[in-house]
Amino acid sequence: MDTRKKAEKKWAQQKYEVMAKSYRYYSGIRDRFRKAKEEEDYAAILEELKELEQVPYTKKGFNNTSQHLWGYFKRGATQEEKDEFFERLENCSSLPDEFDKGEAAAEHLLNYIKKTLLASHPQPYLSQSSILK
């Protein structure tokens, strides 16, 4: 697989993970993809994605990303699913400004998305996302 395809595949898997860390990182990589023309450009994107794996989530980025993920389900979700999602999202307000993936409130919400919403309302693209792994 060439470098461009590797970078595109990795980005598809990690874009929500990156967004949960900071929208600034997300938009920066998105913009680099738009400008990329050479193999070196895509290799640099792959390197940045690898470096970002070590960066913690931010509360603001995580909440924004969670609401973005909700967008995949909002039309098909029941009122009960909606209420549960937003209750779990509200519980994330107690998260520290920066945190790692194992933080209880964040995991509680991500597990609900993965095990309930994604199971009831399949989204093939979203099911490949590293944030839900």
N, C-alpha and C. Protein backbone atom coordinates (compact mmCIF):
# COMPACT_ATOMS: atom_id res chain seq x y z
N MET A 1 0.85 -1.17 0.00
CA MET A 1 0.00 0.00 0.00
C MET A 1 0.90 1.24 0.00
N ASP A 2 0.57 2.19 -0.84
CA ASP A 2 1.41 3.38 -0.90
C ASP A 2 1.16 4.30 0.30
N THR A 3 2.04 5.25 0.48
CA THR A 3 1.99 6.12 1.65
C THR A 3 0.71 6.92 1.73
N ARG A 4 0.22 7.38 0.59
CA ARG A 4 -1.02 8.15 0.59
C ARG A 4 -2.19 7.31 1.12
N LYS A 5 -2.30 6.09 0.61
CA LYS A 5 -3.41 5.23 1.05
C LYS A 5 -3.27 4.86 2.53
N LYS A 6 -2.05 4.63 2.99
CA LYS A 6 -1.83 4.35 4.41
C LYS A 6 -2.28 5.53 5.27
N ALA A 7 -1.89 6.72 4.84
CA ALA A 7 -2.26 7.92 5.59
C ALA A 7 -3.77 8.12 5.61
N GLU A 8 -4.42 7.93 4.47
CA GLU A 8 -5.87 8.08 4.41
C GLU A 8 -6.58 7.05 5.28
N LYS A 9 -6.10 5.82 5.28
CA LYS A 9 -6.70 4.78 6.10
C LYS A 9 -6.51 5.08 7.59
N LYS A 10 -5.30 5.48 7.95
CA LYS A 10 -5.01 5.80 9.36
C LYS A 10 -5.85 6.99 9.82
N TRP A 11 -6.00 7.99 8.96
CA TRP A 11 -6.80 9.16 9.29
C TRP A 11 -8.27 8.78 9.48
N ALA A 12 -8.79 7.94 8.62
CA ALA A 12 -10.18 7.50 8.76
C ALA A 12 -10.39 6.80 10.10
N GLN A 13 -9.41 6.05 10.55
CA GLN A 13 -9.50 5.35 11.83
C GLN A 13 -9.33 6.28 13.02
N GLN A 14 -8.48 7.29 12.89
CA GLN A 14 -8.09 8.10 14.05
C GLN A 14 -8.69 9.50 14.09
N LYS A 15 -9.47 9.91 13.11
CA LYS A 15 -9.91 11.30 13.07
C LYS A 15 -10.70 11.71 14.31
N TYR A 16 -11.56 10.85 14.83
CA TYR A 16 -12.32 11.23 16.02
C TYR A 16 -11.47 11.18 17.28
N GLU A 17 -10.51 10.30 17.29
CA GLU A 17 -9.55 10.25 18.39
C GLU A 17 -8.76 11.57 18.43
N VAL A 18 -8.34 12.03 17.28
CA VAL A 18 -7.60 13.29 17.18
C VAL A 18 -8.51 14.46 17.57
N MET A 19 -9.73 14.46 17.10
CA MET A 19 -10.68 15.53 17.42
C MET A 19 -10.90 15.62 18.92
N ALA A 20 -10.93 14.47 19.61
CA ALA A 20 -11.15 14.45 21.05
C ALA A 20 -9.97 15.03 21.82
N LYS A 21 -8.85 15.15 21.17
CA LYS A 21 -7.67 15.73 21.80
C LYS A 21 -7.63 17.24 21.61
N SER A 22 -8.03 17.68 20.44
CA SER A 22 -8.15 19.11 20.16
C SER A 22 -8.65 19.29 18.73
N TYR A 23 -9.62 20.16 18.57
CA TYR A 23 -10.11 20.44 17.22
C TYR A 23 -9.01 21.08 16.39
N ARG A 24 -8.10 21.76 17.04
CA ARG A 24 -6.96 22.37 16.34
C ARG A 24 -6.11 21.30 15.65
N TYR A 25 -5.85 20.19 16.34
CA TYR A 25 -5.10 19.09 15.72
C TYR A 25 -5.88 18.52 14.54
N TYR A 26 -7.16 18.31 14.76
CA TYR A 26 -8.03 17.73 13.73
C TYR A 26 -8.02 18.60 12.46
N SER A 27 -8.26 19.88 12.63
CA SER A 27 -8.33 20.75 11.45
C SER A 27 -6.96 20.91 10.80
N GLY A 28 -5.90 20.87 11.60
CA GLY A 28 -4.56 20.96 11.02
C GLY A 28 -4.24 19.79 10.11
N ILE A 29 -4.57 18.59 10.56
CA ILE A 29 -4.31 17.41 9.72
C ILE A 29 -5.22 17.40 8.50
N ARG A 30 -6.47 17.74 8.70
CA ARG A 30 -7.41 17.82 7.58
C ARG A 30 -6.88 18.77 6.50
N ASP A 31 -6.36 19.93 6.93
CA ASP A 31 -5.82 20.91 5.98
C ASP A 31 -4.57 20.39 5.30
N ARG A 32 -3.73 19.63 6.03
CA ARG A 32 -2.53 19.07 5.41
C ARG A 32 -2.90 18.04 4.34
N PHE A 33 -3.97 17.30 4.56
CA PHE A 33 -4.42 16.37 3.53
C PHE A 33 -4.83 17.14 2.27
N ARG A 34 -5.48 18.25 2.44
CA ARG A 34 -5.93 19.04 1.28
C ARG A 34 -4.75 19.55 0.46
N LYS A 35 -3.65 19.86 1.13
CA LYS A 35 -2.48 20.41 0.46
C LYS A 35 -1.48 19.35 0.01
N ALA A 36 -1.58 18.15 0.54
CA ALA A 36 -0.59 17.11 0.27
C ALA A 36 -0.58 16.71 -1.21
N LYS A 37 0.64 16.57 -1.74
CA LYS A 37 0.80 16.16 -3.13
C LYS A 37 1.85 15.06 -3.28
N GLU A 38 2.86 15.11 -2.44
CA GLU A 38 4.00 14.19 -2.55
C GLU A 38 3.94 13.12 -1.46
N GLU A 39 4.67 12.04 -1.69
CA GLU A 39 4.77 10.97 -0.70
C GLU A 39 5.25 11.50 0.65
N GLU A 40 6.18 12.45 0.62
CA GLU A 40 6.72 13.02 1.85
C GLU A 40 5.63 13.72 2.66
N ASP A 41 4.68 14.35 1.97
CA ASP A 41 3.58 15.03 2.66
C ASP A 41 2.75 14.01 3.45
N TYR A 42 2.47 12.89 2.81
CA TYR A 42 1.66 11.85 3.47
C TYR A 42 2.46 11.15 4.58
N ALA A 43 3.75 10.99 4.36
CA ALA A 43 4.60 10.40 5.41
C ALA A 43 4.62 11.31 6.63
N ALA A 44 4.66 12.62 6.42
CA ALA A 44 4.65 13.57 7.55
C ALA A 44 3.32 13.50 8.29
N ILE A 45 2.22 13.31 7.57
CA ILE A 45 0.91 13.16 8.21
C ILE A 45 0.89 11.90 9.06
N LEU A 46 1.41 10.81 8.52
CA LEU A 46 1.47 9.56 9.29
C LEU A 46 2.29 9.73 10.56
N GLU A 47 3.39 10.44 10.46
CA GLU A 47 4.24 10.67 11.63
C GLU A 47 3.50 11.51 12.67
N GLU A 48 2.80 12.52 12.23
CA GLU A 48 2.05 13.36 13.17
C GLU A 48 0.95 12.56 13.85
N LEU A 49 0.26 11.72 13.10
CA LEU A 49 -0.79 10.88 13.69
C LEU A 49 -0.19 9.97 14.77
N LYS A 50 0.98 9.44 14.49
CA LYS A 50 1.64 8.58 15.47
C LYS A 50 1.99 9.38 16.73
N GLU A 51 2.51 10.58 16.57
CA GLU A 51 2.86 11.42 17.71
C GLU A 51 1.62 11.78 18.53
N LEU A 52 0.51 12.02 17.86
CA LEU A 52 -0.71 12.42 18.55
C LEU A 52 -1.31 11.29 19.40
N GLU A 53 -0.89 10.07 19.15
CA GLU A 53 -1.38 8.95 19.97
C GLU A 53 -0.97 9.14 21.43
N GLN A 54 0.09 9.89 21.68
CA GLN A 54 0.60 10.09 23.04
C GLN A 54 -0.02 11.31 23.73
N VAL A 55 -0.79 12.09 22.99
CA VAL A 55 -1.37 13.32 23.53
C VAL A 55 -2.67 12.99 24.26
N PRO A 56 -2.91 13.58 25.43
CA PRO A 56 -4.15 13.30 26.15
C PRO A 56 -5.36 13.97 25.49
N TYR A 57 -6.54 13.46 25.85
CA TYR A 57 -7.78 14.11 25.44
C TYR A 57 -7.92 15.42 26.21
N THR A 58 -8.71 16.32 25.66
CA THR A 58 -9.12 17.50 26.41
C THR A 58 -10.62 17.37 26.67
N LYS A 59 -11.07 17.93 27.77
CA LYS A 59 -12.49 17.87 28.09
C LYS A 59 -13.31 18.52 26.98
N LYS A 60 -12.90 19.68 26.54
CA LYS A 60 -13.62 20.39 25.48
C LYS A 60 -13.63 19.57 24.18
N GLY A 61 -12.47 19.03 23.81
CA GLY A 61 -12.38 18.23 22.58
C GLY A 61 -13.21 16.96 22.67
N PHE A 62 -13.17 16.31 23.83
CA PHE A 62 -13.93 15.07 24.02
C PHE A 62 -15.43 15.34 23.95
N ASN A 63 -15.89 16.39 24.61
CA ASN A 63 -17.32 16.71 24.57
C ASN A 63 -17.77 17.07 23.16
N ASN A 64 -16.97 17.84 22.44
CA ASN A 64 -17.28 18.19 21.06
C ASN A 64 -17.35 16.94 20.19
N THR A 65 -16.39 16.07 20.34
CA THR A 65 -16.34 14.84 19.55
C THR A 65 -17.53 13.94 19.89
N SER A 66 -17.87 13.84 21.15
CA SER A 66 -19.00 13.01 21.57
C SER A 66 -20.29 13.49 20.92
N GLN A 67 -20.48 14.80 20.88
CA GLN A 67 -21.67 15.34 20.24
C GLN A 67 -21.63 15.10 18.73
N HIS A 68 -20.45 15.16 18.16
CA HIS A 68 -20.29 14.85 16.74
C HIS A 68 -20.68 13.38 16.48
N LEU A 69 -20.21 12.47 17.33
CA LEU A 69 -20.56 11.06 17.19
C LEU A 69 -22.07 10.86 17.34
N TRP A 70 -22.69 11.59 18.26
CA TRP A 70 -24.14 11.50 18.44
C TRP A 70 -24.87 11.79 17.12
N GLY A 71 -24.31 12.67 16.32
CA GLY A 71 -24.92 13.01 15.04
C GLY A 71 -25.17 11.80 14.13
N TYR A 72 -24.39 10.77 14.29
CA TYR A 72 -24.59 9.55 13.50
C TYR A 72 -25.86 8.82 13.92
N PHE A 73 -26.32 9.05 15.13
CA PHE A 73 -27.43 8.25 15.69
C PHE A 73 -28.71 9.03 15.94
N LYS A 74 -28.65 10.35 15.95
CA LYS A 74 -29.77 11.13 16.45
C LYS A 74 -31.08 10.91 15.70
N ARG A 75 -31.04 10.63 14.43
CA ARG A 75 -32.29 10.43 13.68
C ARG A 75 -32.96 9.09 14.00
N GLY A 76 -32.15 8.07 14.25
CA GLY A 76 -32.72 6.75 14.49
C GLY A 76 -32.85 6.36 15.95
N ALA A 77 -32.28 7.16 16.83
CA ALA A 77 -32.27 6.82 18.26
C ALA A 77 -33.65 7.04 18.89
N THR A 78 -33.94 6.22 19.86
CA THR A 78 -35.17 6.39 20.64
C THR A 78 -34.96 7.52 21.64
N GLN A 79 -36.04 7.99 22.23
CA GLN A 79 -35.94 9.02 23.26
C GLN A 79 -35.13 8.50 24.45
N GLU A 80 -35.32 7.24 24.77
CA GLU A 80 -34.56 6.63 25.88
C GLU A 80 -33.06 6.64 25.58
N GLU A 81 -32.68 6.29 24.35
CA GLU A 81 -31.26 6.30 23.97
C GLU A 81 -30.70 7.72 24.02
N LYS A 82 -31.50 8.66 23.55
CA LYS A 82 -31.07 10.07 23.58
C LYS A 82 -30.86 10.52 25.03
N ASP A 83 -31.80 10.23 25.88
CA ASP A 83 -31.70 10.63 27.29
C ASP A 83 -30.46 10.01 27.94
N GLU A 84 -30.24 8.74 27.66
CA GLU A 84 -29.08 8.05 28.25
C GLU A 84 -27.77 8.65 27.74
N PHE A 85 -27.71 8.92 26.44
CA PHE A 85 -26.50 9.52 25.88
C PHE A 85 -26.19 10.84 26.55
N PHE A 86 -27.20 11.71 26.62
CA PHE A 86 -26.95 13.04 27.17
C PHE A 86 -26.72 13.02 28.68
N GLU A 87 -27.26 12.06 29.37
CA GLU A 87 -26.94 11.90 30.80
C GLU A 87 -25.47 11.52 30.97
N ARG A 88 -25.03 10.59 30.15
CA ARG A 88 -23.61 10.18 30.22
C ARG A 88 -22.68 11.31 29.78
N LEU A 89 -23.12 12.07 28.79
CA LEU A 89 -22.32 13.22 28.36
C LEU A 89 -22.24 14.25 29.49
N GLU A 90 -23.34 14.49 30.17
CA GLU A 90 -23.34 15.42 31.31
C GLU A 90 -22.38 14.94 32.39
N ASN A 91 -22.30 13.65 32.62
CA ASN A 91 -21.36 13.11 33.60
C ASN A 91 -19.91 13.41 33.23
N CYS A 92 -19.65 13.65 31.96
CA CYS A 92 -18.29 13.98 31.51
C CYS A 92 -17.89 15.40 31.88
N SER A 93 -18.83 16.20 32.36
CA SER A 93 -18.48 17.57 32.76
C SER A 93 -17.52 17.57 33.95
N SER A 94 -17.45 16.46 34.66
CA SER A 94 -16.53 16.37 35.81
C SER A 94 -15.12 15.91 35.40
N LEU A 95 -14.92 15.65 34.13
CA LEU A 95 -13.60 15.23 33.67
C LEU A 95 -12.58 16.35 33.88
N PRO A 96 -11.32 15.99 34.13
CA PRO A 96 -10.28 17.03 34.19
C PRO A 96 -10.08 17.65 32.81
N ASP A 97 -9.41 18.79 32.76
CA ASP A 97 -9.20 19.48 31.48
C ASP A 97 -8.42 18.63 30.49
N GLU A 98 -7.51 17.79 30.98
CA GLU A 98 -6.78 16.83 30.14
C GLU A 98 -6.84 15.47 30.82
N PHE A 99 -7.03 14.41 30.02
CA PHE A 99 -7.14 13.07 30.60
C PHE A 99 -6.82 12.02 29.55
N ASP A 100 -6.55 10.81 30.02
CA ASP A 100 -6.28 9.68 29.14
C ASP A 100 -7.56 8.88 28.92
N LYS A 101 -7.52 8.00 27.97
CA LYS A 101 -8.71 7.28 27.54
C LYS A 101 -9.39 6.48 28.66
N GLY A 102 -8.68 6.03 29.64
CA GLY A 102 -9.26 5.18 30.67
C GLY A 102 -10.11 5.91 31.71
N GLU A 103 -10.25 7.21 31.62
CA GLU A 103 -11.04 7.98 32.59
C GLU A 103 -12.47 7.44 32.61
N ALA A 104 -13.00 7.16 33.80
CA ALA A 104 -14.26 6.43 33.96
C ALA A 104 -15.44 7.05 33.23
N ALA A 105 -15.68 8.33 33.39
CA ALA A 105 -16.86 8.95 32.75
C ALA A 105 -16.75 8.89 31.23
N ALA A 106 -15.56 9.09 30.71
CA ALA A 106 -15.35 9.03 29.26
C ALA A 106 -15.57 7.60 28.75
N GLU A 107 -15.03 6.63 29.45
CA GLU A 107 -15.20 5.23 29.06
C GLU A 107 -16.66 4.82 29.12
N HIS A 108 -17.35 5.31 30.12
CA HIS A 108 -18.78 5.00 30.30
C HIS A 108 -19.57 5.47 29.06
N LEU A 109 -19.26 6.67 28.60
CA LEU A 109 -19.94 7.22 27.42
C LEU A 109 -19.53 6.47 26.15
N LEU A 110 -18.24 6.25 25.97
CA LEU A 110 -17.77 5.56 24.76
C LEU A 110 -18.30 4.13 24.69
N ASN A 111 -18.36 3.45 25.83
CA ASN A 111 -18.92 2.10 25.84
C ASN A 111 -20.39 2.10 25.48
N TYR A 112 -21.12 3.12 25.93
CA TYR A 112 -22.54 3.22 25.57
C TYR A 112 -22.69 3.42 24.06
N ILE A 113 -21.86 4.28 23.49
CA ILE A 113 -21.91 4.50 22.04
C ILE A 113 -21.63 3.20 21.31
N LYS A 114 -20.57 2.51 21.73
CA LYS A 114 -20.13 1.29 21.04
C LYS A 114 -21.11 0.13 21.25
N LYS A 115 -21.47 -0.13 22.50
CA LYS A 115 -22.22 -1.35 22.81
C LYS A 115 -23.73 -1.20 22.66
N THR A 116 -24.24 0.02 22.71
CA THR A 116 -25.68 0.21 22.60
C THR A 116 -26.05 0.90 21.28
N LEU A 117 -25.55 2.11 21.09
CA LEU A 117 -25.95 2.87 19.90
C LEU A 117 -25.44 2.22 18.61
N LEU A 118 -24.17 1.88 18.58
CA LEU A 118 -23.60 1.28 17.38
C LEU A 118 -24.18 -0.10 17.11
N ALA A 119 -24.50 -0.83 18.17
CA ALA A 119 -25.11 -2.16 18.01
C ALA A 119 -26.54 -2.05 17.47
N SER A 120 -27.28 -1.04 17.94
CA SER A 120 -28.67 -0.86 17.51
C SER A 120 -28.80 -0.13 16.18
N HIS A 121 -27.83 0.72 15.90
CA HIS A 121 -27.87 1.56 14.69
C HIS A 121 -26.51 1.49 14.01
N PRO A 122 -26.23 0.39 13.30
CA PRO A 122 -24.89 0.19 12.72
C PRO A 122 -24.43 1.35 11.82
N GLN A 123 -23.20 1.72 12.02
CA GLN A 123 -22.53 2.76 11.22
C GLN A 123 -21.16 2.20 10.84
N PRO A 124 -21.05 1.57 9.68
CA PRO A 124 -19.78 0.91 9.31
C PRO A 124 -18.55 1.82 9.42
N TYR A 125 -18.67 3.05 8.97
CA TYR A 125 -17.52 3.96 9.04
C TYR A 125 -17.11 4.21 10.48
N LEU A 126 -18.09 4.47 11.32
CA LEU A 126 -17.82 4.77 12.72
C LEU A 126 -17.30 3.56 13.48
N SER A 127 -17.74 2.39 13.09
CA SER A 127 -17.30 1.17 13.79
C SER A 127 -15.80 0.92 13.62
N GLN A 128 -15.18 1.55 12.64
CA GLN A 128 -13.74 1.41 12.42
C GLN A 128 -12.92 2.42 13.21
N SER A 129 -13.59 3.35 13.88
CA SER A 129 -12.89 4.42 14.56
C SER A 129 -12.15 3.93 15.81
N SER A 130 -10.91 4.38 15.94
CA SER A 130 -10.08 3.96 17.07
C SER A 130 -10.62 4.48 18.40
N ILE A 131 -11.39 5.53 18.41
CA ILE A 131 -11.92 6.05 19.67
C ILE A 131 -12.91 5.05 20.29
N LEU A 132 -13.49 4.18 19.48
CA LEU A 132 -14.45 3.21 19.98
C LEU A 132 -13.85 1.81 20.14
N LYS A 133 -12.55 1.70 20.06
CA LYS A 133 -11.88 0.41 20.22
C LYS A 133 -11.52 0.15 21.66
